[in-house]
Every structure is written in structure tokens, then in C-alpha cells.
């Protein structure tokens, strides 16, 4: 069985660290994408409920939903 040289071991170690960093960044990107999709979905639902409250002339529900939308915007900085 052939033993690896020190430089081969070091190269393999560096490559492992590079791949781990790339994997971390990819995982982070996927998490951000999923969060963005969830945020947009929740906003769409809220806006739809707000439109219905306007159509139904339900002022209390409208105010409650718009407060919820404001809080969501604050939470995600949008």
C-alpha cells in the first residue's frame, strides 16, 4: 500500500476545508431562499385577507391585519 506524502495530505486537507466552506455557503443560500419564499407567501395571504376585509368593510379586521403586516415588515426589514 502506498503512503501519501506530507504535501498530498496537506492538499487533501485544504480541499476538504474548501469544500466544507462551499457547502456552508450553499446551505446558507438555500436557507435564505426558503425564508424569502415563506415571507412572500405569508405577505400574499395577508394582503389577500386585507383586500377581503376592505371588500367586507370590516374595519377591525382590516386594522388587525395591517398591524400584522407592519410587524412582518419590521421583522424582516422590508
PDB file of N, CA and C in Angstrom:
ATOM      1  N   UNK A   1       0.840  -1.163   0.000  1.00  0.00           N
ATOM      2  CA  UNK A   1       0.000   0.000   0.000  1.00  0.00           C
ATOM      3  C   UNK A   1       0.898   1.243   0.000  1.00  0.00           C
ATOM      4  N   UNK A   2       0.574   2.185  -0.857  1.00  0.00           N
ATOM      5  CA  UNK A   2       1.372   3.403  -0.987  1.00  0.00           C
ATOM      6  C   UNK A   2       0.932   4.426   0.054  1.00  0.00           C
ATOM      7  N   UNK A   3       1.906   4.964   0.777  1.00  0.00           N
ATOM      8  CA  UNK A   3       1.606   6.007   1.756  1.00  0.00           C
ATOM      9  C   UNK A   3       1.623   7.354   1.062  1.00  0.00           C
ATOM     10  N   UNK A   4       0.763   8.254   1.516  1.00  0.00           N
ATOM     11  CA  UNK A   4       0.697   9.589   0.944  1.00  0.00           C
ATOM     12  C   UNK A   4       1.802  10.456   1.522  1.00  0.00           C
ATOM     13  N   UNK A   5       2.311  11.330   0.681  1.00  0.00           N
ATOM     14  CA  UNK A   5       3.337  12.254   1.147  1.00  0.00           C
ATOM     15  C   UNK A   5       2.689  13.360   1.976  1.00  0.00           C
ATOM     16  N   UNK A   6       3.519  14.083   2.683  1.00  0.00           N
ATOM     17  CA  UNK A   6       3.033  15.179   3.507  1.00  0.00           C
ATOM     18  C   UNK A   6       2.294  16.213   2.660  1.00  0.00           C
ATOM     19  N   UNK A   7       2.848  16.545   1.488  1.00  0.00           N
ATOM     20  CA  UNK A   7       2.203  17.562   0.639  1.00  0.00           C
ATOM     21  C   UNK A   7       0.852  17.058   0.107  1.00  0.00           C
ATOM     22  N   UNK A   8       0.747  15.770  -0.181  1.00  0.00           N
ATOM     23  CA  UNK A   8      -0.537  15.221  -0.630  1.00  0.00           C
ATOM     24  C   UNK A   8      -1.581  15.284   0.483  1.00  0.00           C
ATOM     25  N   UNK A   9      -1.137  14.991   1.705  1.00  0.00           N
ATOM     26  CA  UNK A   9      -2.037  15.049   2.863  1.00  0.00           C
ATOM     27  C   UNK A   9      -2.506  16.484   3.089  1.00  0.00           C
ATOM     28  N   UNK A  10      -1.583  17.444   2.980  1.00  0.00           N
ATOM     29  CA  UNK A  10      -1.933  18.846   3.169  1.00  0.00           C
ATOM     30  C   UNK A  10      -2.887  19.330   2.079  1.00  0.00           C
ATOM     31  N   UNK A  11      -2.643  18.927   0.824  1.00  0.00           N
ATOM     32  CA  UNK A  11      -3.535  19.315  -0.272  1.00  0.00           C
ATOM     33  C   UNK A  11      -4.935  18.763  -0.036  1.00  0.00           C
ATOM     34  N   UNK A  12      -5.001  17.507   0.401  1.00  0.00           N
ATOM     35  CA  UNK A  12      -6.303  16.892   0.671  1.00  0.00           C
ATOM     36  C   UNK A  12      -7.023  17.624   1.810  1.00  0.00           C
ATOM     37  N   UNK A  13      -6.273  18.028   2.822  1.00  0.00           N
ATOM     38  CA  UNK A  13      -6.852  18.751   3.949  1.00  0.00           C
ATOM     39  C   UNK A  13      -7.405  20.104   3.504  1.00  0.00           C
ATOM     40  N   UNK A  14      -6.651  20.815   2.680  1.00  0.00           N
ATOM     41  CA  UNK A  14      -7.097  22.107   2.171  1.00  0.00           C
ATOM     42  C   UNK A  14      -8.346  21.944   1.323  1.00  0.00           C
ATOM     43  N   UNK A  15      -8.366  20.938   0.486  1.00  0.00           N
ATOM     44  CA  UNK A  15      -9.537  20.702  -0.370  1.00  0.00           C
ATOM     45  C   UNK A  15     -10.774  20.389   0.470  1.00  0.00           C
ATOM     46  N   UNK A  16     -10.590  19.643   1.553  1.00  0.00           N
ATOM     47  CA  UNK A  16     -11.721  19.347   2.440  1.00  0.00           C
ATOM     48  C   UNK A  16     -12.283  20.633   3.040  1.00  0.00           C
ATOM     49  N   UNK A  17     -11.392  21.533   3.490  1.00  0.00           N
ATOM     50  CA  UNK A  17     -11.844  22.789   4.080  1.00  0.00           C
ATOM     51  C   UNK A  17     -12.549  23.661   3.051  1.00  0.00           C
ATOM     52  N   UNK A  18     -12.034  23.687   1.829  1.00  0.00           N
ATOM     53  CA  UNK A  18     -12.669  24.487   0.774  1.00  0.00           C
ATOM     54  C   UNK A  18     -14.063  23.947   0.478  1.00  0.00           C
ATOM     55  N   UNK A  19     -14.176  22.626   0.367  1.00  0.00           N
ATOM     56  CA  UNK A  19     -15.479  22.024   0.092  1.00  0.00           C
ATOM     57  C   UNK A  19     -16.452  22.261   1.248  1.00  0.00           C
ATOM     58  N   UNK A  20     -15.946  22.244   2.483  1.00  0.00           N
ATOM     59  CA  UNK A  20     -16.815  22.497   3.642  1.00  0.00           C
ATOM     60  C   UNK A  20     -17.331  23.935   3.607  1.00  0.00           C
ATOM     61  N   UNK A  21     -16.473  24.886   3.250  1.00  0.00           N
ATOM     62  CA  UNK A  21     -16.904  26.284   3.153  1.00  0.00           C
ATOM     63  C   UNK A  21     -17.938  26.457   2.043  1.00  0.00           C
ATOM     64  N   UNK A  22     -17.696  25.825   0.905  1.00  0.00           N
ATOM     65  CA  UNK A  22     -18.642  25.915  -0.206  1.00  0.00           C
ATOM     66  C   UNK A  22     -19.985  25.318   0.189  1.00  0.00           C
ATOM     67  N   UNK A  23     -19.948  24.215   0.895  1.00  0.00           N
ATOM     68  CA  UNK A  23     -21.178  23.565   1.342  1.00  0.00           C
ATOM     69  C   UNK A  23     -21.929  24.464   2.326  1.00  0.00           C
ATOM     70  N   UNK A  24     -21.204  25.106   3.226  1.00  0.00           N
ATOM     71  CA  UNK A  24     -21.824  26.005   4.196  1.00  0.00           C
ATOM     72  C   UNK A  24     -22.509  27.176   3.484  1.00  0.00           C
ATOM     73  N   UNK A  25     -21.821  27.763   2.528  1.00  0.00           N
ATOM     74  CA  UNK A  25     -22.384  28.905   1.796  1.00  0.00           C
ATOM     75  C   UNK A  25     -23.618  28.461   1.017  1.00  0.00           C
ATOM     76  N   UNK A  26     -23.560  27.297   0.411  1.00  0.00           N
ATOM     77  CA  UNK A  26     -24.704  26.777  -0.341  1.00  0.00           C
ATOM     78  C   UNK A  26     -25.890  26.539   0.594  1.00  0.00           C
ATOM     79  N   UNK A  27     -25.636  25.951   1.755  1.00  0.00           N
ATOM     80  CA  UNK A  27     -26.707  25.730   2.737  1.00  0.00           C
ATOM     81  C   UNK A  27     -27.305  27.053   3.206  1.00  0.00           C
ATOM     82  N   UNK A  28     -26.452  28.030   3.424  1.00  0.00           N
ATOM     83  CA  UNK A  28     -26.912  29.352   3.841  1.00  0.00           C
ATOM     84  C   UNK A  28     -27.794  29.985   2.762  1.00  0.00           C
ATOM     85  N   UNK A  29     -27.368  29.859   1.516  1.00  0.00           N
ATOM     86  CA  UNK A  29     -28.146  30.402   0.406  1.00  0.00           C
ATOM     87  C   UNK A  29     -29.514  29.729   0.317  1.00  0.00           C
ATOM     88  N   UNK A  30     -29.554  28.421   0.480  1.00  0.00           N
ATOM     89  CA  UNK A  30     -30.824  27.682   0.419  1.00  0.00           C
ATOM     90  C   UNK A  30     -31.748  28.127   1.551  1.00  0.00           C
ATOM     91  N   UNK A  31     -31.195  28.287   2.755  1.00  0.00           N
ATOM     92  CA  UNK A  31     -31.995  28.754   3.888  1.00  0.00           C
ATOM     93  C   UNK A  31     -32.575  30.147   3.626  1.00  0.00           C
ATOM     94  N   UNK A  32     -31.748  31.030   3.056  1.00  0.00           N
ATOM     95  CA  UNK A  32     -32.224  32.380   2.751  1.00  0.00           C
ATOM     96  C   UNK A  32     -33.329  32.340   1.700  1.00  0.00           C
ATOM     97  N   UNK A  33     -33.175  31.496   0.711  1.00  0.00           N
ATOM     98  CA  UNK A  33     -34.177  31.379  -0.343  1.00  0.00           C
ATOM     99  C   UNK A  33     -35.501  30.867   0.209  1.00  0.00           C
ATOM    100  N   UNK A  34     -35.434  29.864   1.070  1.00  0.00           N
ATOM    101  CA  UNK A  34     -36.649  29.312   1.678  1.00  0.00           C
ATOM    102  C   UNK A  34     -37.332  30.371   2.547  1.00  0.00           C
ATOM    103  N   UNK A  35     -36.552  31.121   3.323  1.00  0.00           N
ATOM    104  CA  UNK A  35     -37.127  32.180   4.156  1.00  0.00           C
ATOM    105  C   UNK A  35     -37.814  33.242   3.307  1.00  0.00           C
ATOM    106  N   UNK A  36     -37.184  33.604   2.201  1.00  0.00           N
ATOM    107  CA  UNK A  36     -37.766  34.606   1.299  1.00  0.00           C
ATOM    108  C   UNK A  36     -39.090  34.109   0.715  1.00  0.00           C
ATOM    109  N   UNK A  37     -39.138  32.853   0.329  1.00  0.00           N
ATOM    110  CA  UNK A  37     -40.370  32.279  -0.222  1.00  0.00           C
ATOM    111  C   UNK A  37     -41.466  32.264   0.839  1.00  0.00           C
ATOM    112  N   UNK A  38     -41.116  31.868   2.066  1.00  0.00           N
ATOM    113  CA  UNK A  38     -42.103  31.841   3.145  1.00  0.00           C
ATOM    114  C   UNK A  38     -42.622  33.243   3.445  1.00  0.00           C
ATOM    115  N   UNK A  39     -41.727  34.215   3.467  1.00  0.00           N
ATOM    116  CA  UNK A  39     -42.129  35.600   3.718  1.00  0.00           C
ATOM    117  C   UNK A  39     -43.086  36.089   2.639  1.00  0.00           C
ATOM    118  N   UNK A  40     -42.731  35.870   1.389  1.00  0.00           N
ATOM    119  CA  UNK A  40     -43.592  36.313   0.286  1.00  0.00           C
ATOM    120  C   UNK A  40     -44.951  35.637   0.331  1.00  0.00           C
ATOM    121  N   UNK A  41     -44.965  34.356   0.670  1.00  0.00           N
ATOM    122  CA  UNK A  41     -46.224  33.617   0.757  1.00  0.00           C
ATOM    123  C   UNK A  41     -47.105  34.185   1.876  1.00  0.00           C
ATOM    124  N   UNK A  42     -46.493  34.443   3.027  1.00  0.00           N
ATOM    125  CA  UNK A  42     -47.259  34.994   4.160  1.00  0.00           C
ATOM    126  C   UNK A  42     -47.782  36.389   3.830  1.00  0.00           C
ATOM    127  N   UNK A  43     -46.954  37.206   3.163  1.00  0.00           N
ATOM    128  CA  UNK A  43     -47.390  38.548   2.779  1.00  0.00           C
ATOM    129  C   UNK A  43     -48.560  38.491   1.802  1.00  0.00           C
ATOM    130  N   UNK A  44     -48.473  37.595   0.821  1.00  0.00           N
ATOM    131  CA  UNK A  44     -49.563  37.458  -0.157  1.00  0.00           C
ATOM    132  C   UNK A  44     -50.872  37.091   0.534  1.00  0.00           C
ATOM    133  N   UNK A  45     -50.799  36.154   1.479  1.00  0.00           N
ATOM    134  CA  UNK A  45     -52.005  35.744   2.199  1.00  0.00           C
ATOM    135  C   UNK A  45     -52.579  36.904   3.014  1.00  0.00           C
ATOM    136  N   UNK A  46     -51.683  37.637   3.686  1.00  0.00           N
ATOM    137  CA  UNK A  46     -52.138  38.790   4.473  1.00  0.00           C
ATOM    138  C   UNK A  46     -52.781  39.847   3.583  1.00  0.00           C
ATOM    139  N   UNK A  47     -52.152  40.138   2.463  1.00  0.00           N
ATOM    140  CA  UNK A  47     -52.699  41.146   1.548  1.00  0.00           C
ATOM    141  C   UNK A  47     -54.052  40.716   0.999  1.00  0.00           C
ATOM    142  N   UNK A  48     -54.197  39.427   0.748  1.00  0.00           N
ATOM    143  CA  UNK A  48     -55.485  38.908   0.276  1.00  0.00           C
ATOM    144  C   UNK A  48     -56.565  39.068   1.358  1.00  0.00           C
ATOM    145  N   UNK A  49     -56.188  38.773   2.606  1.00  0.00           N
ATOM    146  CA  UNK A  49     -57.135  38.938   3.714  1.00  0.00           C
ATOM    147  C   UNK A  49     -57.484  40.413   3.916  1.00  0.00           C
ATOM    148  N   UNK A  50     -56.491  41.285   3.744  1.00  0.00           N
ATOM    149  CA  UNK A  50     -56.734  42.732   3.880  1.00  0.00           C
ATOM    150  C   UNK A  50     -57.715  43.192   2.795  1.00  0.00           C
ATOM    151  N   UNK A  51     -57.510  42.723   1.571  1.00  0.00           N
ATOM    152  CA  UNK A  51     -58.436  43.080   0.482  1.00  0.00           C
ATOM    153  C   UNK A  51     -59.855  42.619   0.794  1.00  0.00           C
ATOM    154  N   UNK A  52     -59.967  41.406   1.346  1.00  0.00           N
ATOM    155  CA  UNK A  52     -61.302  40.888   1.673  1.00  0.00           C
ATOM    156  C   UNK A  52     -61.931  41.710   2.790  1.00  0.00           C
ATOM    157  N   UNK A  53     -61.124  42.099   3.780  1.00  0.00           N
ATOM    158  CA  UNK A  53     -61.646  42.927   4.873  1.00  0.00           C
ATOM    159  C   UNK A  53     -62.133  44.266   4.337  1.00  0.00           C
ATOM    160  N   UNK A  54     -61.430  44.822   3.360  1.00  0.00           N
ATOM    161  CA  UNK A  54     -61.869  46.085   2.738  1.00  0.00           C
ATOM    162  C   UNK A  54     -63.184  45.865   2.008  1.00  0.00           C
ATOM    163  N   UNK A  55     -63.254  44.774   1.239  1.00  0.00           N
ATOM    164  CA  UNK A  55     -64.483  44.476   0.500  1.00  0.00           C
ATOM    165  C   UNK A  55     -65.669  44.279   1.440  1.00  0.00           C
ATOM    166  N   UNK A  56     -65.406  43.639   2.584  1.00  0.00           N
ATOM    167  CA  UNK A  56     -66.464  43.375   3.563  1.00  0.00           C
ATOM    168  C   UNK A  56     -66.710  44.564   4.496  1.00  0.00           C
ATOM    169  N   UNK A  57     -65.917  45.616   4.346  1.00  0.00           N
ATOM    170  CA  UNK A  57     -65.997  46.817   5.184  1.00  0.00           C
ATOM    171  C   UNK A  57     -65.847  46.478   6.673  1.00  0.00           C
ATOM    172  N   UNK A  58     -64.915  45.545   6.939  1.00  0.00           N
ATOM    173  CA  UNK A  58     -64.639  45.113   8.311  1.00  0.00           C
ATOM    174  C   UNK A  58     -63.420  45.885   8.823  1.00  0.00           C
ATOM    175  N   UNK A  59     -63.699  47.010   9.442  1.00  0.00           N
ATOM    176  CA  UNK A  59     -62.629  47.930   9.862  1.00  0.00           C
ATOM    177  C   UNK A  59     -61.718  47.304  10.919  1.00  0.00           C
ATOM    178  N   UNK A  60     -62.299  46.598  11.892  1.00  0.00           N
ATOM    179  CA  UNK A  60     -61.493  45.998  12.958  1.00  0.00           C
ATOM    180  C   UNK A  60     -60.548  44.930  12.406  1.00  0.00           C
ATOM    181  N   UNK A  61     -61.053  44.090  11.530  1.00  0.00           N
ATOM    182  CA  UNK A  61     -60.206  43.058  10.924  1.00  0.00           C
ATOM    183  C   UNK A  61     -59.127  43.707  10.058  1.00  0.00           C
ATOM    184  N   UNK A  62     -59.508  44.741   9.321  1.00  0.00           N
ATOM    185  CA  UNK A  62     -58.547  45.459   8.481  1.00  0.00           C
ATOM    186  C   UNK A  62     -57.408  46.023   9.324  1.00  0.00           C
ATOM    187  N   UNK A  63     -57.739  46.689  10.420  1.00  0.00           N
ATOM    188  CA  UNK A  63     -56.715  47.272  11.283  1.00  0.00           C
ATOM    189  C   UNK A  63     -55.828  46.195  11.895  1.00  0.00           C
ATOM    190  N   UNK A  64     -56.425  45.098  12.292  1.00  0.00           N
ATOM    191  CA  UNK A  64     -55.659  43.990  12.875  1.00  0.00           C
ATOM    192  C   UNK A  64     -54.679  43.402  11.847  1.00  0.00           C
ATOM    193  N   UNK A  65     -55.168  43.180  10.641  1.00  0.00           N
ATOM    194  CA  UNK A  65     -54.331  42.587   9.597  1.00  0.00           C
ATOM    195  C   UNK A  65     -53.224  43.539   9.145  1.00  0.00           C
ATOM    196  N   UNK A  66     -53.523  44.824   9.066  1.00  0.00           N
ATOM    197  CA  UNK A  66     -52.480  45.773   8.664  1.00  0.00           C
ATOM    198  C   UNK A  66     -51.414  45.892   9.748  1.00  0.00           C
ATOM    199  N   UNK A  67     -51.804  45.785  11.013  1.00  0.00           N
ATOM    200  CA  UNK A  67     -50.810  45.764  12.089  1.00  0.00           C
ATOM    201  C   UNK A  67     -49.918  44.528  11.970  1.00  0.00           C
ATOM    202  N   UNK A  68     -50.536  43.417  11.647  1.00  0.00           N
ATOM    203  CA  UNK A  68     -49.771  42.181  11.460  1.00  0.00           C
ATOM    204  C   UNK A  68     -48.802  42.316  10.286  1.00  0.00           C
ATOM    205  N   UNK A  69     -49.242  42.958   9.223  1.00  0.00           N
ATOM    206  CA  UNK A  69     -48.374  43.180   8.067  1.00  0.00           C
ATOM    207  C   UNK A  69     -47.216  44.113   8.422  1.00  0.00           C
ATOM    208  N   UNK A  70     -47.499  45.143   9.193  1.00  0.00           N
ATOM    209  CA  UNK A  70     -46.441  46.065   9.645  1.00  0.00           C
ATOM    210  C   UNK A  70     -45.400  45.321  10.477  1.00  0.00           C
ATOM    211  N   UNK A  71     -45.875  44.470  11.389  1.00  0.00           N
ATOM    212  CA  UNK A  71     -44.963  43.692  12.228  1.00  0.00           C
ATOM    213  C   UNK A  71     -44.102  42.749  11.379  1.00  0.00           C
ATOM    214  N   UNK A  72     -44.726  42.135  10.387  1.00  0.00           N
ATOM    215  CA  UNK A  72     -43.988  41.236   9.496  1.00  0.00           C
ATOM    216  C   UNK A  72     -42.928  42.002   8.732  1.00  0.00           C
ATOM    217  N   UNK A  73     -43.261  43.180   8.261  1.00  0.00           N
ATOM    218  CA  UNK A  73     -42.295  44.011   7.533  1.00  0.00           C
ATOM    219  C   UNK A  73     -41.142  44.441   8.438  1.00  0.00           C
ATOM    220  N   UNK A  74     -41.449  44.770   9.689  1.00  0.00           N
ATOM    221  CA  UNK A  74     -40.399  45.148  10.642  1.00  0.00           C
ATOM    222  C   UNK A  74     -39.473  43.969  10.923  1.00  0.00           C
ATOM    223  N   UNK A  75     -40.096  42.810  11.115  1.00  0.00           N
ATOM    224  CA  UNK A  75     -39.340  41.600  11.454  1.00  0.00           C
ATOM    225  C   UNK A  75     -38.333  41.239  10.363  1.00  0.00           C
ATOM    226  N   UNK A  76     -38.715  41.401   9.110  1.00  0.00           N
ATOM    227  CA  UNK A  76     -37.849  41.006   8.001  1.00  0.00           C
ATOM    228  C   UNK A  76     -37.188  42.183   7.329  1.00  0.00           C
ATOM    229  N   UNK A  77     -37.403  43.382   7.861  1.00  0.00           N
ATOM    230  CA  UNK A  77     -36.717  44.549   7.330  1.00  0.00           C
ATOM    231  C   UNK A  77     -37.113  44.913   5.919  1.00  0.00           C
ATOM    232  N   UNK A  78     -38.383  44.690   5.595  1.00  0.00           N
ATOM    233  CA  UNK A  78     -38.850  45.025   4.234  1.00  0.00           C
ATOM    234  C   UNK A  78     -39.771  46.224   4.269  1.00  0.00           C
TER     235      UNK A  78
END
